[in-house]
Amino acid sequence: MSWLRGNRAALVEQVPFGIVLALVAVAALRIWQYHWRQGAVIVGGALLVAAVFRAVLPGARAGLLAVRGRPVDVLSYSGLGAVLLFLAFTITDGPFGS
């Protein structure tokens, strides 16, 4: 059980990434159920949640959300999330229906 104590810190620092990954899994389920707009909105929200986690948490606690420097990560996550939300809310009469 001593290996669990050493790995507990490593597991805890991946919790923010796990939350974002869980949101993306819910989005994938909604997309699979032919509710692609709802899925796209959830993915956009997951990216915004990732941006908040990356902005608030120090690099050592951000886990796999820390890819580049903090400003680059926050801008990338929030920019992609905003674009995805914009597209999901504004596309009408596409090939996938409503």
PDB file of N, CA and C in Angstrom:
ATOM      1  N   MET A   1       0.802  -1.196   0.000  1.00  0.00           N
ATOM      2  CA  MET A   1       0.000   0.000   0.000  1.00  0.00           C
ATOM      3  C   MET A   1       0.850   1.267   0.000  1.00  0.00           C
ATOM      4  N   SER A   2       2.146   1.146   0.208  1.00  0.00           N
ATOM      5  CA  SER A   2       2.985   2.346   0.203  1.00  0.00           C
ATOM      6  C   SER A   2       3.065   2.964  -1.190  1.00  0.00           C
ATOM      7  N   TRP A   3       2.926   2.159  -2.235  1.00  0.00           N
ATOM      8  CA  TRP A   3       2.946   2.714  -3.592  1.00  0.00           C
ATOM      9  C   TRP A   3       1.722   3.583  -3.835  1.00  0.00           C
ATOM     10  N   LEU A   4       0.618   3.320  -3.121  1.00  0.00           N
ATOM     11  CA  LEU A   4      -0.592   4.120  -3.280  1.00  0.00           C
ATOM     12  C   LEU A   4      -0.387   5.519  -2.726  1.00  0.00           C
ATOM     13  N   ARG A   5       0.325   5.639  -1.622  1.00  0.00           N
ATOM     14  CA  ARG A   5       0.580   6.959  -1.041  1.00  0.00           C
ATOM     15  C   ARG A   5       1.424   7.802  -1.977  1.00  0.00           C
ATOM     16  N   GLY A   6       2.387   7.211  -2.611  1.00  0.00           N
ATOM     17  CA  GLY A   6       3.240   7.957  -3.530  1.00  0.00           C
ATOM     18  C   GLY A   6       2.521   8.347  -4.804  1.00  0.00           C
ATOM     19  N   ASN A   7       1.609   7.502  -5.255  1.00  0.00           N
ATOM     20  CA  ASN A   7       0.881   7.784  -6.489  1.00  0.00           C
ATOM     21  C   ASN A   7      -0.355   8.638  -6.260  1.00  0.00           C
ATOM     22  N   ARG A   8      -0.788   8.783  -5.023  1.00  0.00           N
ATOM     23  CA  ARG A   8      -1.986   9.570  -4.734  1.00  0.00           C
ATOM     24  C   ARG A   8      -1.829  11.013  -5.206  1.00  0.00           C
ATOM     25  N   ALA A   9      -0.662  11.614  -4.977  1.00  0.00           N
ATOM     26  CA  ALA A   9      -0.417  12.987  -5.413  1.00  0.00           C
ATOM     27  C   ALA A   9      -0.469  13.075  -6.930  1.00  0.00           C
ATOM     28  N   ALA A  10       0.078  12.077  -7.599  1.00  0.00           N
ATOM     29  CA  ALA A  10       0.043  12.073  -9.069  1.00  0.00           C
ATOM     30  C   ALA A  10      -1.386  11.926  -9.575  1.00  0.00           C
ATOM     31  N   LEU A  11      -2.200  11.141  -8.885  1.00  0.00           N
ATOM     32  CA  LEU A  11      -3.596  10.985  -9.287  1.00  0.00           C
ATOM     33  C   LEU A  11      -4.395  12.255  -9.026  1.00  0.00           C
ATOM     34  N   VAL A  12      -4.148  12.904  -7.902  1.00  0.00           N
ATOM     35  CA  VAL A  12      -4.891  14.117  -7.557  1.00  0.00           C
ATOM     36  C   VAL A  12      -4.610  15.233  -8.551  1.00  0.00           C
ATOM     37  N   GLU A  13      -3.397  15.297  -9.050  1.00  0.00           N
ATOM     38  CA  GLU A  13      -3.104  16.379  -9.989  1.00  0.00           C
ATOM     39  C   GLU A  13      -3.743  16.139 -11.361  1.00  0.00           C
ATOM     40  N   GLN A  14      -4.301  14.960 -11.610  1.00  0.00           N
ATOM     41  CA  GLN A  14      -4.987  14.684 -12.876  1.00  0.00           C
ATOM     42  C   GLN A  14      -6.508  14.863 -12.770  1.00  0.00           C
ATOM     43  N   VAL A  15      -7.009  15.248 -11.595  1.00  0.00           N
ATOM     44  CA  VAL A  15      -8.454  15.424 -11.416  1.00  0.00           C
ATOM     45  C   VAL A  15      -9.030  16.482 -12.358  1.00  0.00           C
ATOM     46  N   PRO A  16      -8.396  17.658 -12.525  1.00  0.00           N
ATOM     47  CA  PRO A  16      -8.965  18.632 -13.474  1.00  0.00           C
ATOM     48  C   PRO A  16      -9.070  18.069 -14.894  1.00  0.00           C
ATOM     49  N   PHE A  17      -8.049  17.348 -15.328  1.00  0.00           N
ATOM     50  CA  PHE A  17      -8.099  16.732 -16.652  1.00  0.00           C
ATOM     51  C   PHE A  17      -9.214  15.689 -16.717  1.00  0.00           C
ATOM     52  N   GLY A  18      -9.416  14.944 -15.638  1.00  0.00           N
ATOM     53  CA  GLY A  18     -10.489  13.956 -15.586  1.00  0.00           C
ATOM     54  C   GLY A  18     -11.864  14.591 -15.696  1.00  0.00           C
ATOM     55  N   ILE A  19     -12.039  15.751 -15.068  1.00  0.00           N
ATOM     56  CA  ILE A  19     -13.320  16.461 -15.167  1.00  0.00           C
ATOM     57  C   ILE A  19     -13.576  16.894 -16.606  1.00  0.00           C
ATOM     58  N   VAL A  20     -12.564  17.459 -17.238  1.00  0.00           N
ATOM     59  CA  VAL A  20     -12.709  17.884 -18.639  1.00  0.00           C
ATOM     60  C   VAL A  20     -12.973  16.672 -19.526  1.00  0.00           C
ATOM     61  N   LEU A  21     -12.275  15.587 -19.281  1.00  0.00           N
ATOM     62  CA  LEU A  21     -12.467  14.370 -20.062  1.00  0.00           C
ATOM     63  C   LEU A  21     -13.869  13.800 -19.869  1.00  0.00           C
ATOM     64  N   ALA A  22     -14.407  13.871 -18.662  1.00  0.00           N
ATOM     65  CA  ALA A  22     -15.773  13.402 -18.404  1.00  0.00           C
ATOM     66  C   ALA A  22     -16.787  14.243 -19.170  1.00  0.00           C
ATOM     67  N   LEU A  23     -16.570  15.553 -19.229  1.00  0.00           N
ATOM     68  CA  LEU A  23     -17.463  16.419 -20.008  1.00  0.00           C
ATOM     69  C   LEU A  23     -17.414  16.065 -21.491  1.00  0.00           C
ATOM     70  N   VAL A  24     -16.235  15.787 -21.995  1.00  0.00           N
ATOM     71  CA  VAL A  24     -16.102  15.412 -23.404  1.00  0.00           C
ATOM     72  C   VAL A  24     -16.767  14.057 -23.658  1.00  0.00           C
ATOM     73  N   ALA A  25     -16.709  13.153 -22.691  1.00  0.00           N
ATOM     74  CA  ALA A  25     -17.393  11.857 -22.840  1.00  0.00           C
ATOM     75  C   ALA A  25     -18.909  12.047 -22.902  1.00  0.00           C
ATOM     76  N   VAL A  26     -19.443  12.942 -22.076  1.00  0.00           N
ATOM     77  CA  VAL A  26     -20.878  13.250 -22.140  1.00  0.00           C
ATOM     78  C   VAL A  26     -21.221  13.855 -23.494  1.00  0.00           C
ATOM     79  N   ALA A  27     -20.364  14.729 -23.992  1.00  0.00           N
ATOM     80  CA  ALA A  27     -20.587  15.333 -25.307  1.00  0.00           C
ATOM     81  C   ALA A  27     -20.571  14.277 -26.404  1.00  0.00           C
ATOM     82  N   ALA A  28     -19.643  13.340 -26.314  1.00  0.00           N
ATOM     83  CA  ALA A  28     -19.577  12.273 -27.321  1.00  0.00           C
ATOM     84  C   ALA A  28     -20.847  11.433 -27.300  1.00  0.00           C
ATOM     85  N   LEU A  29     -21.377  11.185 -26.123  1.00  0.00           N
ATOM     86  CA  LEU A  29     -22.631  10.445 -26.008  1.00  0.00           C
ATOM     87  C   LEU A  29     -23.777  11.209 -26.666  1.00  0.00           C
ATOM     88  N   ARG A  30     -23.842  12.509 -26.423  1.00  0.00           N
ATOM     89  CA  ARG A  30     -24.910  13.319 -27.034  1.00  0.00           C
ATOM     90  C   ARG A  30     -24.751  13.363 -28.564  1.00  0.00           C
ATOM     91  N   ILE A  31     -23.545  13.452 -29.043  1.00  0.00           N
ATOM     92  CA  ILE A  31     -23.315  13.450 -30.486  1.00  0.00           C
ATOM     93  C   ILE A  31     -23.706  12.098 -31.070  1.00  0.00           C
ATOM     94  N   TRP A  32     -23.355  11.026 -30.385  1.00  0.00           N
ATOM     95  CA  TRP A  32     -23.708   9.679 -30.832  1.00  0.00           C
ATOM     96  C   TRP A  32     -25.226   9.496 -30.877  1.00  0.00           C
ATOM     97  N   GLN A  33     -25.943  10.212 -30.022  1.00  0.00           N
ATOM     98  CA  GLN A  33     -27.402  10.151 -30.000  1.00  0.00           C
ATOM     99  C   GLN A  33     -28.037  11.132 -30.996  1.00  0.00           C
ATOM    100  N   TYR A  34     -27.251  11.656 -31.926  1.00  0.00           N
ATOM    101  CA  TYR A  34     -27.692  12.570 -32.974  1.00  0.00           C
ATOM    102  C   TYR A  34     -28.134  13.925 -32.445  1.00  0.00           C
ATOM    103  N   HIS A  35     -27.592  14.347 -31.319  1.00  0.00           N
ATOM    104  CA  HIS A  35     -27.802  15.696 -30.800  1.00  0.00           C
ATOM    105  C   HIS A  35     -26.460  16.430 -30.886  1.00  0.00           C
ATOM    106  N   TRP A  36     -26.022  16.651 -32.127  1.00  0.00           N
ATOM    107  CA  TRP A  36     -24.675  17.140 -32.346  1.00  0.00           C
ATOM    108  C   TRP A  36     -24.476  18.557 -31.834  1.00  0.00           C
ATOM    109  N   ARG A  37     -25.515  19.392 -31.871  1.00  0.00           N
ATOM    110  CA  ARG A  37     -25.347  20.758 -31.355  1.00  0.00           C
ATOM    111  C   ARG A  37     -25.134  20.751 -29.853  1.00  0.00           C
ATOM    112  N   GLN A  38     -25.914  19.947 -29.148  1.00  0.00           N
ATOM    113  CA  GLN A  38     -25.719  19.854 -27.703  1.00  0.00           C
ATOM    114  C   GLN A  38     -24.325  19.320 -27.388  1.00  0.00           C
ATOM    115  N   GLY A  39     -23.880  18.341 -28.139  1.00  0.00           N
ATOM    116  CA  GLY A  39     -22.536  17.813 -27.951  1.00  0.00           C
ATOM    117  C   GLY A  39     -21.465  18.852 -28.206  1.00  0.00           C
ATOM    118  N   ALA A  40     -21.650  19.648 -29.257  1.00  0.00           N
ATOM    119  CA  ALA A  40     -20.674  20.693 -29.564  1.00  0.00           C
ATOM    120  C   ALA A  40     -20.647  21.760 -28.473  1.00  0.00           C
ATOM    121  N   VAL A  41     -21.813  22.089 -27.934  1.00  0.00           N
ATOM    122  CA  VAL A  41     -21.868  23.064 -26.841  1.00  0.00           C
ATOM    123  C   VAL A  41     -21.158  22.515 -25.603  1.00  0.00           C
ATOM    124  N   ILE A  42     -21.341  21.244 -25.311  1.00  0.00           N
ATOM    125  CA  ILE A  42     -20.688  20.654 -24.142  1.00  0.00           C
ATOM    126  C   ILE A  42     -19.175  20.606 -24.341  1.00  0.00           C
ATOM    127  N   VAL A  43     -18.711  20.300 -25.546  1.00  0.00           N
ATOM    128  CA  VAL A  43     -17.263  20.304 -25.805  1.00  0.00           C
ATOM    129  C   VAL A  43     -16.714  21.724 -25.659  1.00  0.00           C
ATOM    130  N   GLY A  44     -17.447  22.718 -26.188  1.00  0.00           N
ATOM    131  CA  GLY A  44     -17.019  24.109 -26.020  1.00  0.00           C
ATOM    132  C   GLY A  44     -16.960  24.497 -24.552  1.00  0.00           C
ATOM    133  N   GLY A  45     -17.964  24.063 -23.785  1.00  0.00           N
ATOM    134  CA  GLY A  45     -17.946  24.327 -22.348  1.00  0.00           C
ATOM    135  C   GLY A  45     -16.795  23.626 -21.655  1.00  0.00           C
ATOM    136  N   ALA A  46     -16.486  22.408 -22.086  1.00  0.00           N
ATOM    137  CA  ALA A  46     -15.356  21.675 -21.503  1.00  0.00           C
ATOM    138  C   ALA A  46     -14.047  22.415 -21.762  1.00  0.00           C
ATOM    139  N   LEU A  47     -13.902  22.992 -22.936  1.00  0.00           N
ATOM    140  CA  LEU A  47     -12.697  23.770 -23.230  1.00  0.00           C
ATOM    141  C   LEU A  47     -12.621  25.021 -22.356  1.00  0.00           C
ATOM    142  N   LEU A  48     -13.758  25.647 -22.100  1.00  0.00           N
ATOM    143  CA  LEU A  48     -13.753  26.815 -21.223  1.00  0.00           C
ATOM    144  C   LEU A  48     -13.445  26.412 -19.774  1.00  0.00           C
ATOM    145  N   VAL A  49     -13.943  25.270 -19.353  1.00  0.00           N
ATOM    146  CA  VAL A  49     -13.608  24.754 -18.022  1.00  0.00           C
ATOM    147  C   VAL A  49     -12.106  24.471 -17.944  1.00  0.00           C
ATOM    148  N   ALA A  50     -11.545  23.900 -19.001  1.00  0.00           N
ATOM    149  CA  ALA A  50     -10.099  23.647 -19.042  1.00  0.00           C
ATOM    150  C   ALA A  50      -9.324  24.959 -18.948  1.00  0.00           C
ATOM    151  N   ALA A  51      -9.816  26.008 -19.615  1.00  0.00           N
ATOM    152  CA  ALA A  51      -9.146  27.308 -19.547  1.00  0.00           C
ATOM    153  C   ALA A  51      -9.172  27.860 -18.129  1.00  0.00           C
ATOM    154  N   VAL A  52     -10.296  27.715 -17.440  1.00  0.00           N
ATOM    155  CA  VAL A  52     -10.386  28.200 -16.059  1.00  0.00           C
ATOM    156  C   VAL A  52      -9.450  27.401 -15.153  1.00  0.00           C
ATOM    157  N   PHE A  53      -9.453  26.078 -15.293  1.00  0.00           N
ATOM    158  CA  PHE A  53      -8.540  25.259 -14.491  1.00  0.00           C
ATOM    159  C   PHE A  53      -7.097  25.670 -14.733  1.00  0.00           C
ATOM    160  N   ARG A  54      -6.747  25.863 -15.985  1.00  0.00           N
ATOM    161  CA  ARG A  54      -5.355  26.208 -16.324  1.00  0.00           C
ATOM    162  C   ARG A  54      -4.991  27.585 -15.808  1.00  0.00           C
ATOM    163  N   ALA A  55      -5.943  28.510 -15.799  1.00  0.00           N
ATOM    164  CA  ALA A  55      -5.664  29.862 -15.311  1.00  0.00           C
ATOM    165  C   ALA A  55      -5.522  29.901 -13.798  1.00  0.00           C
ATOM    166  N   VAL A  56      -6.294  29.074 -13.094  1.00  0.00           N
ATOM    167  CA  VAL A  56      -6.339  29.132 -11.632  1.00  0.00           C
ATOM    168  C   VAL A  56      -5.289  28.246 -10.976  1.00  0.00           C
ATOM    169  N   LEU A  57      -5.086  27.064 -11.519  1.00  0.00           N
ATOM    170  CA  LEU A  57      -4.187  26.099 -10.876  1.00  0.00           C
ATOM    171  C   LEU A  57      -2.731  26.351 -11.259  1.00  0.00           C
ATOM    172  N   PRO A  58      -1.811  26.126 -10.326  1.00  0.00           N
ATOM    173  CA  PRO A  58      -0.394  26.211 -10.686  1.00  0.00           C
ATOM    174  C   PRO A  58      -0.016  25.076 -11.639  1.00  0.00           C
ATOM    175  N   GLY A  59       1.072  25.234 -12.335  1.00  0.00           N
ATOM    176  CA  GLY A  59       1.486  24.264 -13.338  1.00  0.00           C
ATOM    177  C   GLY A  59       1.602  22.841 -12.826  1.00  0.00           C
ATOM    178  N   ALA A  60       2.078  22.679 -11.604  1.00  0.00           N
ATOM    179  CA  ALA A  60       2.230  21.329 -11.043  1.00  0.00           C
ATOM    180  C   ALA A  60       0.886  20.686 -10.739  1.00  0.00           C
ATOM    181  N   ARG A  61      -0.157  21.465 -10.484  1.00  0.00           N
ATOM    182  CA  ARG A  61      -1.470  20.917 -10.153  1.00  0.00           C
ATOM    183  C   ARG A  61      -2.377  20.817 -11.381  1.00  0.00           C
ATOM    184  N   ALA A  62      -1.987  21.401 -12.500  1.00  0.00           N
ATOM    185  CA  ALA A  62      -2.829  21.384 -13.690  1.00  0.00           C
ATOM    186  C   ALA A  62      -2.760  20.050 -14.424  1.00  0.00           C
ATOM    187  N   GLY A  63      -1.765  19.251 -14.139  1.00  0.00           N
ATOM    188  CA  GLY A  63      -1.660  17.928 -14.757  1.00  0.00           C
ATOM    189  C   GLY A  63      -1.523  17.996 -16.267  1.00  0.00           C
ATOM    190  N   LEU A  64      -2.289  17.165 -16.959  1.00  0.00           N
ATOM    191  CA  LEU A  64      -2.194  17.088 -18.416  1.00  0.00           C
ATOM    192  C   LEU A  64      -2.802  18.297 -19.129  1.00  0.00           C
ATOM    193  N   LEU A  65      -3.443  19.202 -18.402  1.00  0.00           N
ATOM    194  CA  LEU A  65      -3.949  20.429 -19.022  1.00  0.00           C
ATOM    195  C   LEU A  65      -2.821  21.413 -19.304  1.00  0.00           C
ATOM    196  N   ALA A  66      -1.696  21.236 -18.649  1.00  0.00           N
ATOM    197  CA  ALA A  66      -0.546  22.114 -18.861  1.00  0.00           C
ATOM    198  C   ALA A  66       0.265  21.585 -20.036  1.00  0.00           C
ATOM    199  N   VAL A  67       0.063  22.196 -21.182  1.00  0.00           N
ATOM    200  CA  VAL A  67       0.756  21.755 -22.393  1.00  0.00           C
ATOM    201  C   VAL A  67       1.899  22.705 -22.722  1.00  0.00           C
ATOM    202  N   ARG A  68       1.598  23.964 -22.774  1.00  0.00           N
ATOM    203  CA  ARG A  68       2.600  25.007 -23.048  1.00  0.00           C
ATOM    204  C   ARG A  68       2.663  25.923 -21.834  1.00  0.00           C
ATOM    205  N   GLY A  69       3.017  27.160 -22.056  1.00  0.00           N
ATOM    206  CA  GLY A  69       2.978  28.134 -20.972  1.00  0.00           C
ATOM    207  C   GLY A  69       1.536  28.463 -20.611  1.00  0.00           C
ATOM    208  N   ARG A  70       1.341  28.974 -19.413  1.00  0.00           N
ATOM    209  CA  ARG A  70      -0.014  29.272 -18.946  1.00  0.00           C
ATOM    210  C   ARG A  70      -0.767  30.224 -19.875  1.00  0.00           C
ATOM    211  N   PRO A  71      -0.184  31.345 -20.312  1.00  0.00           N
ATOM    212  CA  PRO A  71      -0.950  32.245 -21.197  1.00  0.00           C
ATOM    213  C   PRO A  71      -1.356  31.578 -22.513  1.00  0.00           C
ATOM    214  N   VAL A  72      -0.465  30.786 -23.073  1.00  0.00           N
ATOM    215  CA  VAL A  72      -0.775  30.114 -24.347  1.00  0.00           C
ATOM    216  C   VAL A  72      -1.886  29.089 -24.142  1.00  0.00           C
ATOM    217  N   ASP A  73      -1.819  28.328 -23.067  1.00  0.00           N
ATOM    218  CA  ASP A  73      -2.858  27.336 -22.791  1.00  0.00           C
ATOM    219  C   ASP A  73      -4.212  27.992 -22.564  1.00  0.00           C
ATOM    220  N   VAL A  74      -4.246  29.043 -21.746  1.00  0.00           N
ATOM    221  CA  VAL A  74      -5.518  29.715 -21.445  1.00  0.00           C
ATOM    222  C   VAL A  74      -6.110  30.320 -22.715  1.00  0.00           C
ATOM    223  N   LEU A  75      -5.278  30.976 -23.514  1.00  0.00           N
ATOM    224  CA  LEU A  75      -5.780  31.568 -24.764  1.00  0.00           C
ATOM    225  C   LEU A  75      -6.240  30.495 -25.742  1.00  0.00           C
ATOM    226  N   SER A  76      -5.520  29.413 -25.832  1.00  0.00           N
ATOM    227  CA  SER A  76      -5.896  28.334 -26.750  1.00  0.00           C
ATOM    228  C   SER A  76      -7.208  27.675 -26.337  1.00  0.00           C
ATOM    229  N   TYR A  77      -7.304  27.304 -25.075  1.00  0.00           N
ATOM    230  CA  TYR A  77      -8.526  26.649 -24.595  1.00  0.00           C
ATOM    231  C   TYR A  77      -9.728  27.571 -24.700  1.00  0.00           C
ATOM    232  N   SER A  78      -9.576  28.814 -24.263  1.00  0.00           N
ATOM    233  CA  SER A  78     -10.721  29.720 -24.285  1.00  0.00           C
ATOM    234  C   SER A  78     -11.078  30.131 -25.709  1.00  0.00           C
ATOM    235  N   GLY A  79     -10.075  30.321 -26.558  1.00  0.00           N
ATOM    236  CA  GLY A  79     -10.363  30.684 -27.952  1.00  0.00           C
ATOM    237  C   GLY A  79     -11.075  29.567 -28.695  1.00  0.00           C
ATOM    238  N   LEU A  80     -10.574  28.344 -28.576  1.00  0.00           N
ATOM    239  CA  LEU A  80     -11.235  27.219 -29.242  1.00  0.00           C
ATOM    240  C   LEU A  80     -12.628  26.970 -28.673  1.00  0.00           C
ATOM    241  N   GLY A  81     -12.774  27.107 -27.357  1.00  0.00           N
ATOM    242  CA  GLY A  81     -14.081  26.938 -26.740  1.00  0.00           C
ATOM    243  C   GLY A  81     -15.076  27.975 -27.222  1.00  0.00           C
ATOM    244  N   ALA A  82     -14.644  29.236 -27.314  1.00  0.00           N
ATOM    245  CA  ALA A  82     -15.528  30.307 -27.773  1.00  0.00           C
ATOM    246  C   ALA A  82     -15.924  30.102 -29.234  1.00  0.00           C
ATOM    247  N   VAL A  83     -14.975  29.715 -30.070  1.00  0.00           N
ATOM    248  CA  VAL A  83     -15.288  29.468 -31.488  1.00  0.00           C
ATOM    249  C   VAL A  83     -16.264  28.308 -31.629  1.00  0.00           C
ATOM    250  N   LEU A  84     -16.047  27.259 -30.887  1.00  0.00           N
ATOM    251  CA  LEU A  84     -16.939  26.103 -30.964  1.00  0.00           C
ATOM    252  C   LEU A  84     -18.346  26.452 -30.484  1.00  0.00           C
ATOM    253  N   LEU A  85     -18.450  27.213 -29.404  1.00  0.00           N
ATOM    254  CA  LEU A  85     -19.765  27.652 -28.940  1.00  0.00           C
ATOM    255  C   LEU A  85     -20.442  28.558 -29.968  1.00  0.00           C
ATOM    256  N   PHE A  86     -19.683  29.461 -30.549  1.00  0.00           N
ATOM    257  CA  PHE A  86     -20.242  30.349 -31.566  1.00  0.00           C
ATOM    258  C   PHE A  86     -20.786  29.544 -32.742  1.00  0.00           C
ATOM    259  N   LEU A  87     -19.999  28.594 -33.222  1.00  0.00           N
ATOM    260  CA  LEU A  87     -20.450  27.779 -34.347  1.00  0.00           C
ATOM    261  C   LEU A  87     -21.670  26.932 -33.994  1.00  0.00           C
ATOM    262  N   ALA A  88     -21.674  26.355 -32.806  1.00  0.00           N
ATOM    263  CA  ALA A  88     -22.798  25.505 -32.404  1.00  0.00           C
ATOM    264  C   ALA A  88     -24.085  26.309 -32.281  1.00  0.00           C
ATOM    265  N   PHE A  89     -23.985  27.548 -31.830  1.00  0.00           N
ATOM    266  CA  PHE A  89     -25.186  28.365 -31.652  1.00  0.00           C
ATOM    267  C   PHE A  89     -25.653  29.057 -32.925  1.00  0.00           C
ATOM    268  N   THR A  90     -24.781  29.200 -33.921  1.00  0.00           N
ATOM    269  CA  THR A  90     -25.160  29.987 -35.093  1.00  0.00           C
ATOM    270  C   THR A  90     -25.441  29.165 -36.344  1.00  0.00           C
ATOM    271  N   ILE A  91     -24.971  27.939 -36.444  1.00  0.00           N
ATOM    272  CA  ILE A  91     -25.222  27.132 -37.642  1.00  0.00           C
ATOM    273  C   ILE A  91     -26.684  26.703 -37.663  1.00  0.00           C
ATOM    274  N   THR A  92     -27.356  27.000 -38.745  1.00  0.00           N
ATOM    275  CA  THR A  92     -28.753  26.586 -38.902  1.00  0.00           C
ATOM    276  C   THR A  92     -28.916  25.887 -40.239  1.00  0.00           C
ATOM    277  N   ASP A  93     -29.848  24.975 -40.290  1.00  0.00           N
ATOM    278  CA  ASP A  93     -30.183  24.259 -41.521  1.00  0.00           C
ATOM    279  C   ASP A  93     -28.966  23.591 -42.155  1.00  0.00           C
ATOM    280  N   GLY A  94     -28.126  23.005 -41.344  1.00  0.00           N
ATOM    281  CA  GLY A  94     -26.980  22.277 -41.855  1.00  0.00           C
ATOM    282  C   GLY A  94     -27.360  20.904 -42.340  1.00  0.00           C
ATOM    283  N   PRO A  95     -26.407  20.144 -42.824  1.00  0.00           N
ATOM    284  CA  PRO A  95     -26.700  18.810 -43.347  1.00  0.00           C
ATOM    285  C   PRO A  95     -27.142  17.827 -42.279  1.00  0.00           C
ATOM    286  N   PHE A  96     -26.922  18.146 -41.003  1.00  0.00           N
ATOM    287  CA  PHE A  96     -27.292  17.236 -39.936  1.00  0.00           C
ATOM    288  C   PHE A  96     -28.655  17.547 -39.335  1.00  0.00           C
ATOM    289  N   GLY A  97     -29.351  18.504 -39.891  1.00  0.00           N
ATOM    290  CA  GLY A  97     -30.678  18.851 -39.382  1.00  0.00           C
ATOM    291  C   GLY A  97     -30.583  19.733 -38.159  1.00  0.00           C
ATOM    292  N   SER A  98     -31.669  19.874 -37.431  1.00  0.00           N
ATOM    293  CA  SER A  98     -31.687  20.786 -36.283  1.00  0.00           C
ATOM    294  C   SER A  98     -31.365  20.108 -34.987  1.00  0.00           C
TER     295      SER A  98
END
